[in-house]
Amino acid sequence: MAVKYIHDRGLCHRDLKPDNIFLTKKSIIKLGDLGVSKMVENSDVFTQTSMGTPPYMSRECIKGDPYNKDTDVWSLGIILY
């Protein structure tokens, strides 16, 4: 999946929402709008900058608490729900 691909390369998208997920004619998922993404080398590294679209943001992002790549997993869960 596209989220695993970017996470494996140390990137946190930070603005996953339906508008940023694209499906090609060959059913390949592509992620767009990496403008607010951030390099996070491993899951032990946390950042605190609040970025994203509020309806899809994790509660850590909304509260301004430290978060890591798991915030993208939260956003993906909201999208799939």
Foldseek 3Di string as FASTA:
>chain_A
DALVVQVVVQKAQLADDPVQWDQDPVRDIDGDDSVPMDGGPHQVDWDQAQDYDVVQFDPSSVVSHTGGSCRVVSSVVSRVD
